[in-house]
């Protein structure tokens, strides 16, 4: 089996974060891996064609991002043992592209994501991030089913 030096876990602040990090912890302990916990926040409004707005809105968004990053760090501290090297990352952008770009930049050996069980119609009408990642990823993926 290939050595896993860097494990990237993509999370979206749902109840399954503990399950995803549990799998990452087991693998990290076995291989001595570093675990990167990644959340992709929505892109800046000006990125999608809107003006950034008044300063108080930008300040509010900045505080929102700081709070999300604190939550990510809390997940790392609460769900991953102290012996594991870990880091929380919060980036903005389009989810699938941002996760793949970050995986490449971090030289990730494994990507862990949760997958929702949706109907065919739901998947047809709405973007399924884990499915798109499966199609486009160039590294091994571990998908964990998320109970609704």
N, C-alpha and C. Protein backbone atom coordinates (compact mmCIF):
# COMPACT_ATOMS: atom_id res chain seq x y z
N UNK A 1 0.85 -1.19 0.00
CA UNK A 1 0.00 0.00 0.00
C UNK A 1 0.89 1.25 0.00
N UNK A 2 0.48 2.23 -0.73
CA UNK A 2 1.21 3.48 -0.82
C UNK A 2 1.20 4.20 0.53
N UNK A 3 2.29 4.87 0.81
CA UNK A 3 2.40 5.64 2.05
C UNK A 3 1.54 6.90 1.96
N UNK A 4 0.84 7.20 3.03
CA UNK A 4 -0.01 8.39 3.08
C UNK A 4 0.66 9.44 3.97
N UNK A 5 1.27 10.44 3.35
CA UNK A 5 1.93 11.49 4.13
C UNK A 5 0.99 12.64 4.44
N UNK A 6 0.10 12.95 3.51
CA UNK A 6 -0.84 14.06 3.67
C UNK A 6 -2.25 13.58 3.36
N UNK A 7 -3.13 13.77 4.33
CA UNK A 7 -4.53 13.41 4.17
C UNK A 7 -5.34 14.71 4.21
N UNK A 8 -6.13 14.93 3.18
CA UNK A 8 -6.99 16.12 3.11
C UNK A 8 -8.43 15.69 3.37
N UNK A 9 -9.06 16.33 4.37
CA UNK A 9 -10.45 16.04 4.70
C UNK A 9 -11.26 17.29 4.38
N UNK A 10 -12.19 17.17 3.42
CA UNK A 10 -13.04 18.30 3.05
C UNK A 10 -14.34 18.20 3.87
N UNK A 11 -14.63 19.27 4.62
CA UNK A 11 -15.82 19.28 5.49
C UNK A 11 -16.72 20.44 5.13
N UNK A 12 -18.00 20.29 5.49
CA UNK A 12 -18.95 21.37 5.22
C UNK A 12 -19.81 21.70 6.43
N UNK A 13 -19.26 21.54 7.63
CA UNK A 13 -19.92 21.91 8.89
C UNK A 13 -21.25 21.22 9.11
N UNK A 14 -21.33 19.93 8.80
CA UNK A 14 -22.53 19.18 9.14
C UNK A 14 -22.19 18.22 10.28
N UNK A 15 -23.15 17.41 10.67
CA UNK A 15 -22.96 16.51 11.81
C UNK A 15 -21.96 15.39 11.54
N UNK A 16 -21.56 15.19 10.31
CA UNK A 16 -20.67 14.08 9.96
C UNK A 16 -19.20 14.43 10.11
N UNK A 17 -18.87 15.63 10.54
CA UNK A 17 -17.46 16.03 10.65
C UNK A 17 -16.70 15.05 11.55
N UNK A 18 -17.30 14.66 12.65
CA UNK A 18 -16.65 13.72 13.56
C UNK A 18 -16.36 12.38 12.91
N UNK A 19 -17.30 11.88 12.09
CA UNK A 19 -17.08 10.62 11.39
C UNK A 19 -15.92 10.73 10.40
N UNK A 20 -15.92 11.81 9.62
CA UNK A 20 -14.86 11.99 8.63
C UNK A 20 -13.49 12.09 9.31
N UNK A 21 -13.43 12.86 10.39
CA UNK A 21 -12.15 13.02 11.08
C UNK A 21 -11.75 11.75 11.83
N UNK A 22 -12.73 10.93 12.21
CA UNK A 22 -12.41 9.64 12.82
C UNK A 22 -11.67 8.73 11.85
N UNK A 23 -12.13 8.67 10.61
CA UNK A 23 -11.42 7.90 9.59
C UNK A 23 -10.02 8.48 9.34
N UNK A 24 -9.95 9.80 9.26
CA UNK A 24 -8.65 10.44 9.03
C UNK A 24 -7.69 10.15 10.17
N UNK A 25 -8.20 10.18 11.40
CA UNK A 25 -7.34 9.92 12.56
C UNK A 25 -6.77 8.50 12.53
N UNK A 26 -7.63 7.52 12.24
CA UNK A 26 -7.16 6.14 12.18
C UNK A 26 -6.07 5.95 11.14
N UNK A 27 -6.27 6.52 9.96
CA UNK A 27 -5.27 6.41 8.90
C UNK A 27 -4.00 7.19 9.25
N UNK A 28 -4.17 8.37 9.82
CA UNK A 28 -3.00 9.19 10.19
C UNK A 28 -2.16 8.50 11.24
N UNK A 29 -2.79 7.84 12.20
CA UNK A 29 -2.04 7.12 13.22
C UNK A 29 -1.28 5.95 12.61
N UNK A 30 -1.91 5.27 11.69
CA UNK A 30 -1.28 4.12 11.06
C UNK A 30 -0.08 4.50 10.20
N UNK A 31 -0.21 5.61 9.46
CA UNK A 31 0.82 5.99 8.50
C UNK A 31 1.69 7.16 8.95
N UNK A 32 1.38 7.77 10.09
CA UNK A 32 2.14 8.94 10.53
C UNK A 32 1.87 10.15 9.63
N UNK A 33 0.64 10.28 9.18
CA UNK A 33 0.27 11.32 8.22
C UNK A 33 -0.06 12.64 8.91
N UNK A 34 0.04 13.70 8.14
CA UNK A 34 -0.49 14.99 8.54
C UNK A 34 -1.91 15.07 8.00
N UNK A 35 -2.83 15.63 8.81
CA UNK A 35 -4.22 15.78 8.40
C UNK A 35 -4.51 17.25 8.17
N UNK A 36 -5.01 17.55 7.00
CA UNK A 36 -5.44 18.90 6.64
C UNK A 36 -6.96 18.89 6.62
N UNK A 37 -7.59 19.75 7.41
CA UNK A 37 -9.05 19.84 7.45
C UNK A 37 -9.44 21.11 6.69
N UNK A 38 -10.17 20.92 5.60
CA UNK A 38 -10.46 22.01 4.67
C UNK A 38 -11.95 22.28 4.59
N UNK A 39 -12.29 23.56 4.66
CA UNK A 39 -13.65 24.00 4.36
C UNK A 39 -13.56 25.07 3.29
N UNK A 40 -14.40 24.95 2.27
CA UNK A 40 -14.43 25.94 1.20
C UNK A 40 -15.65 26.83 1.42
N UNK A 41 -15.38 28.10 1.68
CA UNK A 41 -16.45 29.09 1.88
C UNK A 41 -16.86 29.65 0.52
N UNK A 42 -18.05 30.22 0.51
CA UNK A 42 -18.55 30.84 -0.73
C UNK A 42 -17.60 31.93 -1.20
N UNK A 43 -17.47 32.11 -2.51
CA UNK A 43 -16.56 33.14 -3.02
C UNK A 43 -17.06 34.54 -2.66
N UNK A 44 -16.12 35.49 -2.73
CA UNK A 44 -16.48 36.89 -2.50
C UNK A 44 -17.58 37.31 -3.46
N UNK A 45 -18.49 38.18 -3.00
CA UNK A 45 -19.56 38.64 -3.90
C UNK A 45 -19.04 39.30 -5.17
N UNK A 46 -17.92 40.03 -5.09
CA UNK A 46 -17.42 40.67 -6.30
C UNK A 46 -16.90 39.64 -7.30
N UNK A 47 -16.56 38.45 -6.80
CA UNK A 47 -16.12 37.37 -7.68
C UNK A 47 -17.25 36.92 -8.60
N UNK A 48 -18.48 36.95 -8.10
CA UNK A 48 -19.61 36.49 -8.90
C UNK A 48 -20.39 37.63 -9.54
N UNK A 49 -19.77 38.81 -9.64
CA UNK A 49 -20.37 39.89 -10.39
C UNK A 49 -21.05 40.97 -9.59
N UNK A 50 -20.92 40.95 -8.27
CA UNK A 50 -21.54 41.96 -7.43
C UNK A 50 -20.49 42.87 -6.84
N UNK A 51 -20.88 44.07 -6.54
CA UNK A 51 -19.98 45.00 -5.85
C UNK A 51 -19.79 44.52 -4.42
N UNK A 52 -18.61 44.77 -3.83
CA UNK A 52 -18.36 44.27 -2.49
C UNK A 52 -19.21 44.93 -1.41
N UNK A 53 -19.77 46.10 -1.68
CA UNK A 53 -20.66 46.74 -0.71
C UNK A 53 -19.91 47.60 0.29
N UNK A 54 -20.66 48.15 1.25
CA UNK A 54 -20.06 49.04 2.23
C UNK A 54 -19.10 48.30 3.17
N UNK A 55 -18.28 49.08 3.85
CA UNK A 55 -17.25 48.52 4.72
C UNK A 55 -17.85 47.62 5.80
N UNK A 56 -18.99 47.99 6.38
CA UNK A 56 -19.55 47.18 7.46
C UNK A 56 -19.93 45.78 6.99
N UNK A 57 -20.31 45.65 5.72
CA UNK A 57 -20.62 44.32 5.18
C UNK A 57 -19.35 43.51 5.01
N UNK A 58 -18.29 44.14 4.53
CA UNK A 58 -17.00 43.45 4.40
C UNK A 58 -16.48 43.04 5.76
N UNK A 59 -16.64 43.92 6.77
CA UNK A 59 -16.22 43.59 8.13
C UNK A 59 -17.00 42.40 8.68
N UNK A 60 -18.30 42.40 8.42
CA UNK A 60 -19.16 41.30 8.88
C UNK A 60 -18.72 39.99 8.24
N UNK A 61 -18.46 40.01 6.93
CA UNK A 61 -18.00 38.80 6.23
C UNK A 61 -16.66 38.33 6.77
N UNK A 62 -15.75 39.27 7.04
CA UNK A 62 -14.44 38.90 7.58
C UNK A 62 -14.59 38.22 8.94
N UNK A 63 -15.46 38.73 9.77
CA UNK A 63 -15.69 38.11 11.08
C UNK A 63 -16.34 36.74 10.92
N UNK A 64 -17.21 36.61 9.96
CA UNK A 64 -17.84 35.31 9.68
C UNK A 64 -16.78 34.28 9.29
N UNK A 65 -15.83 34.68 8.45
CA UNK A 65 -14.75 33.77 8.04
C UNK A 65 -13.85 33.41 9.22
N UNK A 66 -13.56 34.40 10.07
CA UNK A 66 -12.74 34.11 11.26
C UNK A 66 -13.44 33.09 12.16
N UNK A 67 -14.75 33.24 12.32
CA UNK A 67 -15.53 32.31 13.14
C UNK A 67 -15.52 30.90 12.53
N UNK A 68 -15.67 30.81 11.22
CA UNK A 68 -15.61 29.51 10.55
C UNK A 68 -14.24 28.87 10.75
N UNK A 69 -13.18 29.67 10.66
CA UNK A 69 -11.84 29.12 10.85
C UNK A 69 -11.65 28.65 12.29
N UNK A 70 -12.16 29.40 13.26
CA UNK A 70 -12.10 28.96 14.66
C UNK A 70 -12.84 27.63 14.84
N UNK A 71 -13.99 27.50 14.19
CA UNK A 71 -14.74 26.24 14.27
C UNK A 71 -13.94 25.08 13.68
N UNK A 72 -13.29 25.32 12.54
CA UNK A 72 -12.45 24.28 11.93
C UNK A 72 -11.34 23.87 12.88
N UNK A 73 -10.69 24.85 13.49
CA UNK A 73 -9.61 24.56 14.42
C UNK A 73 -10.13 23.77 15.62
N UNK A 74 -11.34 24.11 16.09
CA UNK A 74 -11.96 23.40 17.19
C UNK A 74 -12.21 21.94 16.80
N UNK A 75 -12.68 21.70 15.57
CA UNK A 75 -12.88 20.33 15.11
C UNK A 75 -11.56 19.56 15.13
N UNK A 76 -10.51 20.19 14.65
CA UNK A 76 -9.19 19.54 14.67
C UNK A 76 -8.80 19.15 16.09
N UNK A 77 -8.95 20.09 17.00
CA UNK A 77 -8.54 19.85 18.39
C UNK A 77 -9.42 18.82 19.08
N UNK A 78 -10.72 18.81 18.79
CA UNK A 78 -11.65 17.91 19.48
C UNK A 78 -11.70 16.51 18.89
N UNK A 79 -11.52 16.37 17.59
CA UNK A 79 -11.71 15.08 16.95
C UNK A 79 -10.41 14.37 16.56
N UNK A 80 -9.29 15.07 16.59
CA UNK A 80 -8.02 14.46 16.23
C UNK A 80 -7.10 14.49 17.45
N UNK A 81 -6.43 13.37 17.71
CA UNK A 81 -5.59 13.29 18.91
C UNK A 81 -4.40 14.24 18.80
N UNK A 82 -3.82 14.54 19.94
CA UNK A 82 -2.71 15.49 20.01
C UNK A 82 -1.47 15.00 19.27
N UNK A 83 -1.32 13.68 19.14
CA UNK A 83 -0.13 13.12 18.48
C UNK A 83 -0.13 13.35 16.97
N UNK A 84 -1.28 13.66 16.43
CA UNK A 84 -1.40 13.82 14.98
C UNK A 84 -1.12 15.27 14.59
N UNK A 85 -0.24 15.43 13.61
CA UNK A 85 0.00 16.76 13.06
C UNK A 85 -1.22 17.14 12.21
N UNK A 86 -1.77 18.31 12.48
CA UNK A 86 -3.01 18.71 11.82
C UNK A 86 -3.03 20.21 11.58
N UNK A 87 -3.82 20.59 10.58
CA UNK A 87 -3.98 22.01 10.29
C UNK A 87 -5.34 22.25 9.66
N UNK A 88 -5.99 23.34 10.11
CA UNK A 88 -7.29 23.73 9.58
C UNK A 88 -7.10 24.78 8.51
N UNK A 89 -7.81 24.61 7.39
CA UNK A 89 -7.71 25.55 6.27
C UNK A 89 -9.10 26.02 5.87
N UNK A 90 -9.26 27.31 5.71
CA UNK A 90 -10.50 27.89 5.21
C UNK A 90 -10.13 28.69 3.98
N UNK A 91 -10.71 28.31 2.84
CA UNK A 91 -10.45 29.04 1.61
C UNK A 91 -11.78 29.37 0.96
N UNK A 92 -11.75 30.32 0.05
CA UNK A 92 -12.95 30.72 -0.68
C UNK A 92 -12.84 30.26 -2.11
N UNK A 93 -13.99 29.98 -2.70
CA UNK A 93 -14.00 29.63 -4.10
C UNK A 93 -15.09 28.65 -4.43
N UNK A 94 -15.04 28.16 -5.65
CA UNK A 94 -15.94 27.13 -6.11
C UNK A 94 -15.49 25.82 -5.47
N UNK A 95 -16.38 25.11 -4.81
CA UNK A 95 -16.01 23.99 -3.94
C UNK A 95 -15.15 22.95 -4.63
N UNK A 96 -15.61 22.38 -5.72
CA UNK A 96 -14.90 21.29 -6.37
C UNK A 96 -13.51 21.74 -6.83
N UNK A 97 -13.45 22.85 -7.53
CA UNK A 97 -12.17 23.33 -8.04
C UNK A 97 -11.22 23.69 -6.89
N UNK A 98 -11.75 24.32 -5.85
CA UNK A 98 -10.90 24.72 -4.72
C UNK A 98 -10.34 23.51 -3.99
N UNK A 99 -11.16 22.48 -3.79
CA UNK A 99 -10.67 21.27 -3.11
C UNK A 99 -9.59 20.60 -3.93
N UNK A 100 -9.82 20.46 -5.24
CA UNK A 100 -8.82 19.82 -6.10
C UNK A 100 -7.53 20.61 -6.18
N UNK A 101 -7.65 21.92 -6.25
CA UNK A 101 -6.45 22.77 -6.30
C UNK A 101 -5.67 22.67 -4.99
N UNK A 102 -6.38 22.67 -3.87
CA UNK A 102 -5.72 22.58 -2.56
C UNK A 102 -5.07 21.21 -2.39
N UNK A 103 -5.73 20.15 -2.84
CA UNK A 103 -5.17 18.81 -2.77
C UNK A 103 -3.85 18.73 -3.53
N UNK A 104 -3.83 19.36 -4.68
CA UNK A 104 -2.60 19.38 -5.50
C UNK A 104 -1.51 20.19 -4.80
N UNK A 105 -1.88 21.37 -4.30
CA UNK A 105 -0.91 22.24 -3.65
C UNK A 105 -0.29 21.59 -2.41
N UNK A 106 -1.11 20.84 -1.65
CA UNK A 106 -0.64 20.20 -0.42
C UNK A 106 0.02 18.85 -0.67
N UNK A 107 0.04 18.41 -1.93
CA UNK A 107 0.56 17.10 -2.29
C UNK A 107 -0.15 16.00 -1.50
N UNK A 108 -1.48 16.10 -1.47
CA UNK A 108 -2.29 15.15 -0.72
C UNK A 108 -2.23 13.76 -1.35
N UNK A 109 -2.15 12.76 -0.50
CA UNK A 109 -2.12 11.37 -0.95
C UNK A 109 -3.51 10.74 -0.89
N UNK A 110 -4.42 11.36 -0.13
CA UNK A 110 -5.77 10.84 0.02
C UNK A 110 -6.72 12.00 0.31
N UNK A 111 -7.89 11.94 -0.29
CA UNK A 111 -8.93 12.92 -0.05
C UNK A 111 -10.11 12.20 0.60
N UNK A 112 -10.55 12.70 1.76
CA UNK A 112 -11.70 12.12 2.45
C UNK A 112 -12.85 13.12 2.39
N UNK A 113 -14.01 12.65 1.92
CA UNK A 113 -15.21 13.49 1.83
C UNK A 113 -16.41 12.69 2.30
N UNK A 114 -17.44 13.40 2.70
CA UNK A 114 -18.72 12.77 3.02
C UNK A 114 -19.60 12.80 1.80
N UNK A 115 -20.48 11.83 1.69
CA UNK A 115 -21.40 11.79 0.56
C UNK A 115 -22.82 11.60 1.07
N UNK A 116 -23.72 12.41 0.56
CA UNK A 116 -25.13 12.35 0.94
C UNK A 116 -25.85 11.36 0.04
N UNK A 117 -26.82 10.69 0.60
CA UNK A 117 -27.63 9.75 -0.18
C UNK A 117 -28.85 10.51 -0.69
N UNK A 118 -28.82 10.86 -1.96
CA UNK A 118 -29.92 11.59 -2.57
C UNK A 118 -30.51 10.77 -3.70
N UNK A 119 -31.71 11.14 -4.09
CA UNK A 119 -32.37 10.47 -5.20
C UNK A 119 -31.70 10.85 -6.52
N UNK A 120 -31.96 10.08 -7.54
CA UNK A 120 -31.44 10.36 -8.87
C UNK A 120 -31.87 11.75 -9.33
N UNK A 121 -33.14 12.09 -9.10
CA UNK A 121 -33.66 13.39 -9.52
C UNK A 121 -32.93 14.52 -8.81
N UNK A 122 -32.70 14.38 -7.52
CA UNK A 122 -31.99 15.41 -6.77
C UNK A 122 -30.58 15.60 -7.33
N UNK A 123 -29.88 14.48 -7.57
CA UNK A 123 -28.53 14.57 -8.12
C UNK A 123 -28.51 15.16 -9.52
N UNK A 124 -29.58 14.92 -10.28
CA UNK A 124 -29.67 15.47 -11.63
C UNK A 124 -29.83 16.99 -11.60
N UNK A 125 -30.61 17.49 -10.65
CA UNK A 125 -30.93 18.92 -10.59
C UNK A 125 -29.96 19.75 -9.77
N UNK A 126 -29.22 19.13 -8.88
CA UNK A 126 -28.35 19.90 -7.99
C UNK A 126 -26.93 19.32 -8.04
N UNK A 127 -25.95 20.20 -7.92
CA UNK A 127 -24.56 19.76 -7.94
C UNK A 127 -24.28 18.83 -6.77
N UNK A 128 -23.67 17.72 -7.05
CA UNK A 128 -23.25 16.77 -6.03
C UNK A 128 -21.74 16.88 -5.95
N UNK A 129 -21.25 17.53 -4.91
CA UNK A 129 -19.82 17.83 -4.80
C UNK A 129 -18.99 16.56 -4.76
N UNK A 130 -19.39 15.59 -3.95
CA UNK A 130 -18.58 14.37 -3.84
C UNK A 130 -18.52 13.61 -5.17
N UNK A 131 -19.62 13.61 -5.91
CA UNK A 131 -19.63 12.94 -7.21
C UNK A 131 -18.71 13.66 -8.20
N UNK A 132 -18.77 14.98 -8.22
CA UNK A 132 -17.87 15.75 -9.09
C UNK A 132 -16.41 15.55 -8.71
N UNK A 133 -16.13 15.48 -7.41
CA UNK A 133 -14.76 15.22 -6.97
C UNK A 133 -14.30 13.85 -7.43
N UNK A 134 -15.18 12.85 -7.33
CA UNK A 134 -14.83 11.51 -7.80
C UNK A 134 -14.47 11.51 -9.29
N UNK A 135 -15.21 12.28 -10.07
CA UNK A 135 -14.97 12.34 -11.51
C UNK A 135 -13.65 13.03 -11.85
N UNK A 136 -13.29 14.05 -11.06
CA UNK A 136 -12.17 14.91 -11.43
C UNK A 136 -10.88 14.70 -10.64
N UNK A 137 -10.96 14.02 -9.51
CA UNK A 137 -9.79 13.88 -8.65
C UNK A 137 -8.74 12.97 -9.29
N UNK A 138 -7.49 13.33 -9.10
CA UNK A 138 -6.39 12.51 -9.60
C UNK A 138 -5.68 11.77 -8.47
N UNK A 139 -6.25 11.84 -7.27
CA UNK A 139 -5.69 11.12 -6.13
C UNK A 139 -6.78 10.19 -5.57
N UNK A 140 -6.40 9.18 -4.80
CA UNK A 140 -7.40 8.30 -4.20
C UNK A 140 -8.36 9.07 -3.29
N UNK A 141 -9.61 8.61 -3.26
CA UNK A 141 -10.63 9.23 -2.42
C UNK A 141 -11.28 8.19 -1.54
N UNK A 142 -11.62 8.62 -0.33
CA UNK A 142 -12.41 7.81 0.57
C UNK A 142 -13.70 8.58 0.81
N UNK A 143 -14.82 8.02 0.39
CA UNK A 143 -16.10 8.68 0.58
C UNK A 143 -16.85 7.98 1.70
N UNK A 144 -17.32 8.77 2.66
CA UNK A 144 -18.01 8.26 3.83
C UNK A 144 -19.49 8.62 3.69
N UNK A 145 -20.39 7.63 3.71
CA UNK A 145 -21.82 7.95 3.63
C UNK A 145 -22.26 8.74 4.85
N UNK A 146 -23.03 9.79 4.62
CA UNK A 146 -23.55 10.64 5.69
C UNK A 146 -25.02 10.34 5.88
N UNK A 147 -25.38 10.00 7.09
CA UNK A 147 -26.79 9.76 7.41
C UNK A 147 -27.49 11.10 7.53
N UNK A 148 -28.64 11.21 6.93
CA UNK A 148 -29.41 12.46 6.97
C UNK A 148 -30.21 12.54 8.25
